[in-house]
C-alpha atoms as a PDB file:
ATOM      1  CA  ALA A   1      90.646 -50.668 -85.115  1.00  0.00           C
ATOM      2  CA  ILE A   2      91.047 -47.038 -84.064  1.00  0.00           C
ATOM      3  CA  SER A   3      92.680 -46.081 -87.426  1.00  0.00           C
ATOM      4  CA  ARG A   4      89.381 -47.402 -89.103  1.00  0.00           C
ATOM      5  CA  LEU A   5      87.069 -45.162 -87.064  1.00  0.00           C
ATOM      6  CA  GLU A   6      84.658 -43.311 -89.423  1.00  0.00           C
ATOM      7  CA  ALA A   7      81.342 -41.556 -88.965  1.00  0.00           C
ATOM      8  CA  ASP A   8      79.569 -43.944 -91.363  1.00  0.00           C
ATOM      9  CA  ASN A   9      80.906 -47.247 -90.000  1.00  0.00           C
ATOM     10  CA  TRP A  10      77.743 -48.121 -87.994  1.00  0.00           C
ATOM     11  CA  PHE A  11      76.814 -50.945 -90.339  1.00  0.00           C
ATOM     12  CA  ASN A  12      80.245 -52.511 -90.113  1.00  0.00           C
ATOM     13  CA  ALA A  13      80.057 -52.207 -86.284  1.00  0.00           C
ATOM     14  CA  ALA A  14      76.694 -53.984 -86.374  1.00  0.00           C
ATOM     15  CA  GLU A  15      78.189 -56.848 -88.340  1.00  0.00           C
ATOM     16  CA  SER A  16      81.203 -57.081 -85.979  1.00  0.00           C
ATOM     17  CA  ILE A  17      79.101 -57.898 -82.892  1.00  0.00           C
ATOM     18  CA  MET A  18      76.957 -60.744 -84.449  1.00  0.00           C
ATOM     19  CA  THR A  19      76.982 -64.192 -83.034  1.00  0.00           C
ATOM     20  CA  THR A  20      74.115 -66.451 -84.048  1.00  0.00           C
ATOM     21  CA  ASP A  21      72.409 -63.377 -85.664  1.00  0.00           C
ATOM     22  CA  THR A  22      71.486 -63.991 -89.278  1.00  0.00           C
ATOM     23  CA  GLN A  23      71.691 -60.294 -90.098  1.00  0.00           C
ATOM     24  CA  PRO A  24      73.124 -57.061 -88.740  1.00  0.00           C
ATOM     25  CA  LYS A  25      70.717 -54.854 -86.938  1.00  0.00           C
ATOM     26  CA  ALA A  26      70.938 -51.056 -87.465  1.00  0.00           C
ATOM     27  CA  THR A  27      68.588 -48.082 -87.777  1.00  0.00           C
ATOM     28  CA  SER A  28      68.837 -44.286 -87.844  1.00  0.00           C
ATOM     29  CA  ARG A  29      66.501 -41.336 -87.744  1.00  0.00           C
ATOM     30  CA  GLN A  30      66.478 -37.580 -87.648  1.00  0.00           C
ATOM     31  CA  VAL A  31      64.077 -35.287 -85.746  1.00  0.00           C
ATOM     32  CA  GLN A  32      63.536 -31.579 -85.513  1.00  0.00           C
ATOM     33  CA  ILE A  33      63.870 -29.759 -82.239  1.00  0.00           C
ATOM     34  CA  ASN A  34      63.107 -25.967 -82.396  1.00  0.00           C
ATOM     35  CA  GLY A  35      63.809 -26.041 -86.135  1.00  0.00           C
ATOM     36  CA  GLN A  36      67.124 -27.741 -85.807  1.00  0.00           C
ATOM     37  CA  THR A  37      67.933 -31.386 -86.806  1.00  0.00           C
ATOM     38  CA  ILE A  38      69.491 -33.994 -84.524  1.00  0.00           C
ATOM     39  CA  THR A  39      70.261 -37.628 -85.481  1.00  0.00           C
ATOM     40  CA  LEU A  40      69.943 -40.837 -83.511  1.00  0.00           C
ATOM     41  CA  THR A  41      71.581 -44.011 -84.824  1.00  0.00           C
ATOM     42  CA  GLY A  42      71.626 -47.342 -83.276  1.00  0.00           C
ATOM     43  CA  ILE A  43      72.818 -50.960 -83.607  1.00  0.00           C
ATOM     44  CA  SER A  44      71.946 -54.105 -81.706  1.00  0.00           C
ATOM     45  CA  LYS A  45      72.903 -57.763 -81.453  1.00  0.00           C
ATOM     46  CA  GLY A  46      71.079 -60.809 -80.183  1.00  0.00           C
ATOM     47  CA  ALA A  47      69.242 -63.877 -81.368  1.00  0.00           C
ATOM     48  CA  GLY A  48      69.135 -66.402 -78.532  1.00  0.00           C
ATOM     49  CA  MET A  49      69.325 -66.239 -74.687  1.00  0.00           C
ATOM     50  CA  ILE A  50      67.014 -63.294 -74.877  1.00  0.00           C
ATOM     51  CA  HIS A  51      64.881 -62.466 -71.873  1.00  0.00           C
ATOM     52  CA  PRO A  52      64.089 -59.221 -70.100  1.00  0.00           C
ATOM     53  CA  ASN A  53      66.739 -57.859 -67.613  1.00  0.00           C
ATOM     54  CA  MET A  54      68.301 -57.805 -70.212  1.00  0.00           C
ATOM     55  CA  ALA A  55      69.588 -60.845 -72.086  1.00  0.00           C
ATOM     56  CA  THR A  56      72.534 -61.924 -74.281  1.00  0.00           C
ATOM     57  CA  MET A  57      72.173 -58.810 -76.210  1.00  0.00           C
ATOM     58  CA  LEU A  58      74.067 -55.595 -77.044  1.00  0.00           C
ATOM     59  CA  GLY A  59      72.476 -52.255 -77.872  1.00  0.00           C
ATOM     60  CA  TYR A  60      74.109 -48.982 -78.745  1.00  0.00           C
ATOM     61  CA  VAL A  61      72.513 -45.657 -79.614  1.00  0.00           C
ATOM     62  CA  GLY A  62      74.468 -42.536 -80.523  1.00  0.00           C
ATOM     63  CA  THR A  63      73.089 -39.018 -81.030  1.00  0.00           C
ATOM     64  CA  ASP A  64      74.589 -35.675 -81.799  1.00  0.00           C
ATOM     65  CA  ALA A  65      72.245 -33.970 -79.311  1.00  0.00           C
ATOM     66  CA  LYS A  66      73.603 -32.314 -76.252  1.00  0.00           C
ATOM     67  CA  VAL A  67      72.082 -34.046 -73.196  1.00  0.00           C
ATOM     68  CA  SER A  68      73.075 -33.718 -69.553  1.00  0.00           C
ATOM     69  CA  GLN A  69      74.326 -37.028 -67.987  1.00  0.00           C
ATOM     70  CA  ASP A  70      71.557 -37.150 -65.443  1.00  0.00           C
ATOM     71  CA  LEU A  71      68.838 -36.606 -68.073  1.00  0.00           C
ATOM     72  CA  LEU A  72      70.390 -39.165 -70.451  1.00  0.00           C
ATOM     73  CA  GLN A  73      70.544 -41.766 -67.635  1.00  0.00           C
ATOM     74  CA  GLN A  74      66.824 -41.128 -66.926  1.00  0.00           C
ATOM     75  CA  LEU A  75      65.864 -41.460 -70.553  1.00  0.00           C
ATOM     76  CA  THR A  76      68.067 -44.454 -71.192  1.00  0.00           C
ATOM     77  CA  THR A  77      66.493 -46.374 -68.322  1.00  0.00           C
ATOM     78  CA  GLU A  78      62.975 -45.597 -69.455  1.00  0.00           C
ATOM     79  CA  ALA A  79      63.896 -46.525 -73.121  1.00  0.00           C
ATOM     80  CA  ALA A  80      65.343 -49.824 -71.900  1.00  0.00           C
ATOM     81  CA  ASP A  81      62.279 -50.724 -69.913  1.00  0.00           C
ATOM     82  CA  LEU A  82      60.066 -50.106 -72.919  1.00  0.00           C
ATOM     83  CA  SER A  83      62.192 -51.997 -75.457  1.00  0.00           C
ATOM     84  CA  PHE A  84      65.067 -54.339 -74.498  1.00  0.00           C
ATOM     85  CA  ASN A  85      63.429 -55.169 -71.230  1.00  0.00           C
ATOM     86  CA  ALA A  86      60.176 -56.005 -72.987  1.00  0.00           C
ATOM     87  CA  ILE A  87      61.329 -58.691 -75.368  1.00  0.00           C
ATOM     88  CA  THR A  88      61.918 -62.412 -74.793  1.00  0.00           C
ATOM     89  CA  ILE A  89      62.836 -65.254 -77.223  1.00  0.00           C
ATOM     90  CA  ASP A  90      63.530 -68.190 -74.959  1.00  0.00           C
ATOM     91  CA  GLY A  91      63.407 -66.993 -71.361  1.00  0.00           C
ATOM     92  CA  ASP A  92      67.202 -67.526 -70.821  1.00  0.00           C
ATOM     93  CA  THR A  93      69.410 -64.626 -69.616  1.00  0.00           C
ATOM     94  CA  SER A  94      73.185 -64.047 -69.636  1.00  0.00           C
ATOM     95  CA  THR A  95      75.779 -61.866 -67.810  1.00  0.00           C
ATOM     96  CA  ASN A  96      76.687 -60.469 -71.167  1.00  0.00           C
ATOM     97  CA  ASP A  97      74.356 -57.609 -71.907  1.00  0.00           C
ATOM     98  CA  SER A  98      74.619 -53.832 -72.373  1.00  0.00           C
ATOM     99  CA  PHE A  99      72.558 -50.980 -73.549  1.00  0.00           C
ATOM    100  CA  ILE A 100      74.472 -47.791 -73.948  1.00  0.00           C
ATOM    101  CA  VAL A 101      73.299 -44.355 -75.166  1.00  0.00           C
ATOM    102  CA  MET A 102      75.989 -41.788 -76.054  1.00  0.00           C
ATOM    103  CA  ALA A 103      75.275 -38.103 -76.726  1.00  0.00           C
ATOM    104  CA  THR A 104      78.205 -36.240 -78.436  1.00  0.00           C
ATOM    105  CA  GLY A 105      76.591 -32.800 -78.448  1.00  0.00           C
ATOM    106  CA  ALA A 106      78.086 -32.243 -81.903  1.00  0.00           C
ATOM    107  CA  SER A 107      74.933 -30.672 -83.283  1.00  0.00           C
ATOM    108  CA  GLY A 108      74.863 -28.101 -80.561  1.00  0.00           C
ATOM    109  CA  VAL A 109      71.204 -28.744 -79.997  1.00  0.00           C
ATOM    110  CA  GLU A 110      70.559 -29.025 -76.240  1.00  0.00           C
ATOM    111  CA  ILE A 111      67.792 -31.204 -74.945  1.00  0.00           C
ATOM    112  CA  PRO A 112      65.845 -29.562 -72.099  1.00  0.00           C
ATOM    113  CA  SER A 113      64.469 -31.547 -69.089  1.00  0.00           C
ATOM    114  CA  SER A 114      60.846 -30.790 -70.064  1.00  0.00           C
ATOM    115  CA  GLY A 115      58.736 -29.283 -72.775  1.00  0.00           C
ATOM    116  CA  SER A 116      58.344 -30.103 -76.459  1.00  0.00           C
ATOM    117  CA  GLY A 117      62.067 -30.507 -77.257  1.00  0.00           C
ATOM    118  CA  PHE A 118      62.310 -33.063 -74.462  1.00  0.00           C
ATOM    119  CA  ASN A 119      59.285 -34.938 -75.595  1.00  0.00           C
ATOM    120  CA  VAL A 120      60.473 -35.102 -79.197  1.00  0.00           C
ATOM    121  CA  PHE A 121      63.799 -36.434 -78.137  1.00  0.00           C
ATOM    122  CA  ARG A 122      62.345 -38.847 -75.608  1.00  0.00           C
ATOM    123  CA  GLN A 123      59.933 -40.312 -78.097  1.00  0.00           C
ATOM    124  CA  ALA A 124      62.656 -40.751 -80.823  1.00  0.00           C
ATOM    125  CA  LEU A 125      64.918 -42.545 -78.299  1.00  0.00           C
ATOM    126  CA  ILE A 126      62.106 -44.886 -77.232  1.00  0.00           C
ATOM    127  CA  GLU A 127      61.130 -45.552 -80.752  1.00  0.00           C
ATOM    128  CA  ILE A 128      64.696 -46.326 -82.084  1.00  0.00           C
ATOM    129  CA  SER A 129      65.220 -48.548 -78.974  1.00  0.00           C
ATOM    130  CA  GLN A 130      62.040 -50.502 -79.669  1.00  0.00           C
ATOM    131  CA  GLN A 131      62.929 -50.903 -83.315  1.00  0.00           C
ATOM    132  CA  LEU A 132      66.383 -52.287 -82.377  1.00  0.00           C
ATOM    133  CA  ALA A 133      64.821 -54.584 -79.721  1.00  0.00           C
ATOM    134  CA  GLN A 134      62.182 -55.832 -82.101  1.00  0.00           C
ATOM    135  CA  MET A 135      64.854 -56.611 -84.715  1.00  0.00           C
ATOM    136  CA  ILE A 136      66.323 -59.018 -82.148  1.00  0.00           C
ATOM    137  CA  VAL A 137      63.022 -60.800 -81.748  1.00  0.00           C
ATOM    138  CA  ARG A 138      62.471 -61.029 -85.573  1.00  0.00           C
ATOM    139  CA  ASP A 139      65.902 -62.544 -85.859  1.00  0.00           C
ATOM    140  CA  GLY A 140      65.323 -64.958 -82.949  1.00  0.00           C
ATOM    141  CA  GLU A 141      66.952 -68.354 -83.262  1.00  0.00           C
ATOM    142  CA  GLY A 142      64.615 -70.511 -85.326  1.00  0.00           C
ATOM    143  CA  ALA A 143      61.820 -67.879 -85.129  1.00  0.00           C
ATOM    144  CA  THR A 144      59.177 -68.013 -87.848  1.00  0.00           C
ATOM    145  CA  LYS A 145      56.678 -65.540 -86.290  1.00  0.00           C
ATOM    146  CA  PHE A 146      56.805 -62.198 -84.572  1.00  0.00           C
ATOM    147  CA  ILE A 147      54.257 -61.873 -81.732  1.00  0.00           C
ATOM    148  CA  THR A 148      53.022 -58.750 -79.974  1.00  0.00           C
ATOM    149  CA  ILE A 149      51.416 -59.430 -76.691  1.00  0.00           C
ATOM    150  CA  GLN A 150      49.391 -56.422 -75.325  1.00  0.00           C
ATOM    151  CA  ILE A 151      47.748 -56.619 -71.873  1.00  0.00           C
ATOM    152  CA  ASP A 152      45.204 -53.972 -71.084  1.00  0.00           C
ATOM    153  CA  GLY A 153      42.874 -53.326 -68.084  1.00  0.00           C
ATOM    154  CA  GLY A 154      45.315 -54.089 -65.332  1.00  0.00           C
ATOM    155  CA  LYS A 155      45.534 -52.374 -61.967  1.00  0.00           C
ATOM    156  CA  THR A 156      49.199 -51.666 -62.609  1.00  0.00           C
ATOM    157  CA  GLU A 157      51.723 -51.803 -65.393  1.00  0.00           C
ATOM    158  CA  ALA A 158      53.735 -54.409 -63.362  1.00  0.00           C
ATOM    159  CA  GLU A 159      50.804 -56.880 -63.316  1.00  0.00           C
ATOM    160  CA  CYS A 160      50.150 -56.259 -67.031  1.00  0.00           C
ATOM    161  CA  LYS A 161      53.748 -57.126 -67.745  1.00  0.00           C
ATOM    162  CA  GLN A 162      53.588 -60.124 -65.424  1.00  0.00           C
ATOM    163  CA  VAL A 163      50.713 -61.548 -67.477  1.00  0.00           C
ATOM    164  CA  ALA A 164      52.327 -60.659 -70.791  1.00  0.00           C
ATOM    165  CA  GLU A 165      55.518 -62.441 -69.827  1.00  0.00           C
ATOM    166  CA  ALA A 166      53.617 -65.530 -68.578  1.00  0.00           C
ATOM    167  CA  ILE A 167      52.143 -65.825 -72.119  1.00  0.00           C
ATOM    168  CA  ALA A 168      55.365 -65.018 -73.874  1.00  0.00           C
ATOM    169  CA  HIS A 169      57.489 -67.495 -71.874  1.00  0.00           C
ATOM    170  CA  SER A 170      55.092 -70.371 -72.108  1.00  0.00           C
ATOM    171  CA  PRO A 171      56.630 -73.238 -74.181  1.00  0.00           C
ATOM    172  CA  LEU A 172      53.128 -74.572 -74.925  1.00  0.00           C
ATOM    173  CA  VAL A 173      51.946 -71.120 -76.202  1.00  0.00           C
ATOM    174  CA  LYS A 174      55.098 -70.643 -78.269  1.00  0.00           C
ATOM    175  CA  THR A 175      54.875 -74.005 -79.912  1.00  0.00           C
ATOM    176  CA  ALA A 176      51.165 -73.461 -80.699  1.00  0.00           C
ATOM    177  CA  PHE A 177      52.200 -70.272 -82.578  1.00  0.00           C
ATOM    178  CA  PHE A 178      54.777 -72.295 -84.517  1.00  0.00           C
ATOM    179  CA  ALA A 179      52.137 -74.855 -85.375  1.00  0.00           C
ATOM    180  CA  SER A 180      49.549 -72.084 -86.337  1.00  0.00           C
ATOM    181  CA  ASP A 181      47.316 -73.706 -83.733  1.00  0.00           C
ATOM    182  CA  PRO A 182      44.737 -71.236 -82.214  1.00  0.00           C
ATOM    183  CA  ASN A 183      44.898 -73.022 -78.851  1.00  0.00           C
ATOM    184  CA  LEU A 184      42.995 -70.695 -76.665  1.00  0.00           C
ATOM    185  CA  GLY A 185      43.352 -72.844 -73.516  1.00  0.00           C
ATOM    186  CA  ARG A 186      47.141 -72.463 -73.527  1.00  0.00           C
ATOM    187  CA  ILE A 187      46.881 -68.670 -73.671  1.00  0.00           C
ATOM    188  CA  LEU A 188      44.161 -68.440 -71.114  1.00  0.00           C
ATOM    189  CA  ALA A 189      45.993 -70.903 -68.786  1.00  0.00           C
ATOM    190  CA  ALA A 190      49.037 -68.635 -68.911  1.00  0.00           C
ATOM    191  CA  ILE A 191      46.932 -65.626 -67.908  1.00  0.00           C
ATOM    192  CA  GLY A 192      45.482 -67.693 -65.066  1.00  0.00           C
ATOM    193  CA  TYR A 193      48.792 -68.883 -63.652  1.00  0.00           C
ATOM    194  CA  ALA A 194      50.608 -65.534 -64.086  1.00  0.00           C
ATOM    195  CA  GLY A 195      50.366 -64.926 -60.427  1.00  0.00           C
ATOM    196  CA  ILE A 196      47.721 -62.219 -60.119  1.00  0.00           C
ATOM    197  CA  ALA A 197      46.100 -63.584 -56.833  1.00  0.00           C
ATOM    198  CA  ASP A 198      42.864 -61.661 -57.004  1.00  0.00           C
ATOM    199  CA  LEU A 199      42.261 -61.907 -60.799  1.00  0.00           C
ATOM    200  CA  ASP A 200      38.698 -62.521 -61.577  1.00  0.00           C
ATOM    201  CA  VAL A 201      38.848 -64.684 -64.727  1.00  0.00           C
ATOM    202  CA  SER A 202      35.222 -63.899 -65.567  1.00  0.00           C
ATOM    203  CA  GLY A 203      36.376 -60.438 -66.522  1.00  0.00           C
ATOM    204  CA  VAL A 204      39.080 -61.500 -68.965  1.00  0.00           C
ATOM    205  CA  GLN A 205      38.691 -60.819 -72.677  1.00  0.00           C
ATOM    206  CA  LEU A 206      41.038 -62.205 -75.360  1.00  0.00           C
ATOM    207  CA  TRP A 207      41.743 -61.247 -78.995  1.00  0.00           C
ATOM    208  CA  LEU A 208      43.868 -62.695 -81.764  1.00  0.00           C
ATOM    209  CA  ASP A 209      44.433 -59.732 -83.939  1.00  0.00           C
ATOM    210  CA  ASP A 210      40.872 -58.539 -84.760  1.00  0.00           C
ATOM    211  CA  VAL A 211      39.195 -61.856 -83.728  1.00  0.00           C
ATOM    212  CA  TRP A 212      37.462 -61.764 -80.305  1.00  0.00           C
ATOM    213  CA  VAL A 213      38.247 -65.316 -79.118  1.00  0.00           C
ATOM    214  CA  ALA A 214      37.420 -65.351 -75.392  1.00  0.00           C
ATOM    215  CA  LYS A 215      34.718 -63.296 -73.644  1.00  0.00           C
ATOM    216  CA  ASP A 216      34.274 -63.096 -69.870  1.00  0.00           C
ATOM    217  CA  GLY A 217      36.851 -65.768 -69.275  1.00  0.00           C
ATOM    218  CA  GLY A 218      35.462 -68.309 -71.674  1.00  0.00           C
ATOM    219  CA  ARG A 219      35.139 -68.972 -75.441  1.00  0.00           C
ATOM    220  CA  HIS A 220      33.364 -66.170 -77.254  1.00  0.00           C
ATOM    221  CA  PRO A 221      29.968 -67.562 -78.347  1.00  0.00           C
ATOM    222  CA  ASP A 222      30.585 -66.200 -81.971  1.00  0.00           C
ATOM    223  CA  TYR A 223      34.144 -67.457 -82.260  1.00  0.00           C
ATOM    224  CA  LYS A 224      34.856 -69.775 -85.123  1.00  0.00           C
ATOM    225  CA  GLU A 225      37.962 -71.942 -85.177  1.00  0.00           C
ATOM    226  CA  GLU A 226      38.698 -70.939 -88.827  1.00  0.00           C
ATOM    227  CA  ASP A 227      38.931 -67.323 -87.839  1.00  0.00           C
ATOM    228  CA  GLY A 228      41.595 -68.168 -85.183  1.00  0.00           C
ATOM    229  CA  GLN A 229      43.383 -70.314 -87.702  1.00  0.00           C
ATOM    230  CA  ARG A 230      43.467 -67.511 -90.150  1.00  0.00           C
ATOM    231  CA  VAL A 231      45.193 -65.253 -87.733  1.00  0.00           C
ATOM    232  CA  MET A 232      47.697 -67.926 -86.424  1.00  0.00           C
ATOM    233  CA  LYS A 233      48.964 -68.547 -90.037  1.00  0.00           C
ATOM    234  CA  LYS A 234      50.260 -65.057 -90.268  1.00  0.00           C
ATOM    235  CA  ALA A 235      53.969 -64.149 -89.784  1.00  0.00           C
ATOM    236  CA  GLU A 236      52.992 -61.405 -87.456  1.00  0.00           C
ATOM    237  CA  ILE A 237      50.372 -61.835 -84.812  1.00  0.00           C
ATOM    238  CA  LYS A 238      48.988 -59.615 -81.982  1.00  0.00           C
ATOM    239  CA  VAL A 239      47.592 -61.188 -78.848  1.00  0.00           C
ATOM    240  CA  LYS A 240      45.538 -58.719 -76.842  1.00  0.00           C
ATOM    241  CA  ALA A 241      43.971 -59.428 -73.455  1.00  0.00           C
ATOM    242  CA  ASN A 242      41.937 -57.145 -71.197  1.00  0.00           C
ATOM    243  CA  LEU A 243      42.000 -58.073 -67.492  1.00  0.00           C
ATOM    244  CA  GLY A 244      38.956 -55.904 -66.725  1.00  0.00           C
ATOM    245  CA  ARG A 245      40.339 -54.508 -63.457  1.00  0.00           C
ATOM    246  CA  GLY A 246      41.893 -51.139 -64.266  1.00  0.00           C
ATOM    247  CA  THR A 247      43.418 -48.894 -66.916  1.00  0.00           C
ATOM    248  CA  ALA A 248      47.101 -49.978 -67.041  1.00  0.00           C
ATOM    249  CA  THR A 249      48.604 -51.436 -70.106  1.00  0.00           C
ATOM    250  CA  GLN A 250      51.885 -53.095 -71.115  1.00  0.00           C
ATOM    251  CA  THR A 251      53.339 -54.690 -74.187  1.00  0.00           C
ATOM    252  CA  VAL A 252      55.949 -57.429 -74.693  1.00  0.00           C
ATOM    253  CA  TRP A 253      57.344 -58.817 -77.974  1.00  0.00           C
ATOM    254  CA  THR A 254      58.233 -62.379 -78.506  1.00  0.00           C
ATOM    255  CA  CYS A 255      58.392 -65.131 -81.161  1.00  0.00           C
ATOM    256  CA  ASP A 256      57.408 -68.756 -81.604  1.00  0.00           C
ATOM    257  CA  LEU A 257      59.486 -71.814 -80.672  1.00  0.00           C
ATOM    258  CA  SER A 258      60.466 -74.040 -83.523  1.00  0.00           C
ATOM    259  CA  HIS A 259      62.382 -77.243 -84.341  1.00  0.00           C
ATOM    260  CA  GLU A 260      65.171 -74.999 -85.671  1.00  0.00           C
ATOM    261  CA  TYR A 261      65.607 -73.338 -82.295  1.00  0.00           C
ATOM    262  CA  VAL A 262      66.321 -76.817 -80.779  1.00  0.00           C
ATOM    263  CA  SER A 263      68.711 -77.737 -83.559  1.00  0.00           C
ATOM    264  CA  ILE A 264      70.675 -74.462 -83.225  1.00  0.00           C
ATOM    265  CA  ASN A 265      71.110 -74.788 -79.445  1.00  0.00           C
ATOM    266  CA  ALA A 266      71.816 -78.532 -79.628  1.00  0.00           C
ATOM    267  CA  ASP A 267      74.636 -77.966 -82.042  1.00  0.00           C
ATOM    268  CA  TYR A 268      76.007 -74.529 -80.792  1.00  0.00           C
ATOM    269  CA  ARG A 269      78.410 -74.312 -77.899  1.00  0.00           C
ATOM    270  CA  SER A 270      79.753 -70.970 -76.594  1.00  0.00           C
END
């Protein structure tokens, strides 16, 4: 294996770590820092047993930027929280997960701990990590739909994520997505049982894409079932809720739960 090491072998590496994945997952981008170019390239693996903290997934990002170990650790943790720790396919976790960021310094471009150069590198690392994480969700076992769940108006990011995960982990919500069923009750119920003790449900608003479906905790008076049905038939859907209690926001990505997921995991044994 060592004799086959090459600079352009990322795609082969992505293929080599696949299990129930249907396709290799790889991405790369270049950004400018003070007029100099640096490259970030990454691969990931995962399709089932995917749940934040982290999951049965592998993620690797390499960059030719020069980054101190402490700064790289800080940025890696932040990137993981905003990407691999913000996805879920089936709510199951595993002991086999890793997210590793490597900086070779080969470009000679040093990343400062603050300022514009720091911000450019930080954003690039977050974006490439999110892209790799979302590839896992899109390739989820039996998945037919990619779902973004955005929770706004919370007191803290933690409670926003708590609500987002309650929606994303609900088998009833996920099967409704598979059936293209705009079942508002299932989504609102998940918000209600998410564990926010002092949540005033009369302040909750809910949208499916651009369709305002629930207002002040109940069905929007202008909502029409056919509008919700139109959204739910899409391959990519955004669920947005506003809790009406603050300015915090958080996003989680998930998929639907299909017959195929059951078949794969009934037949597959590790």
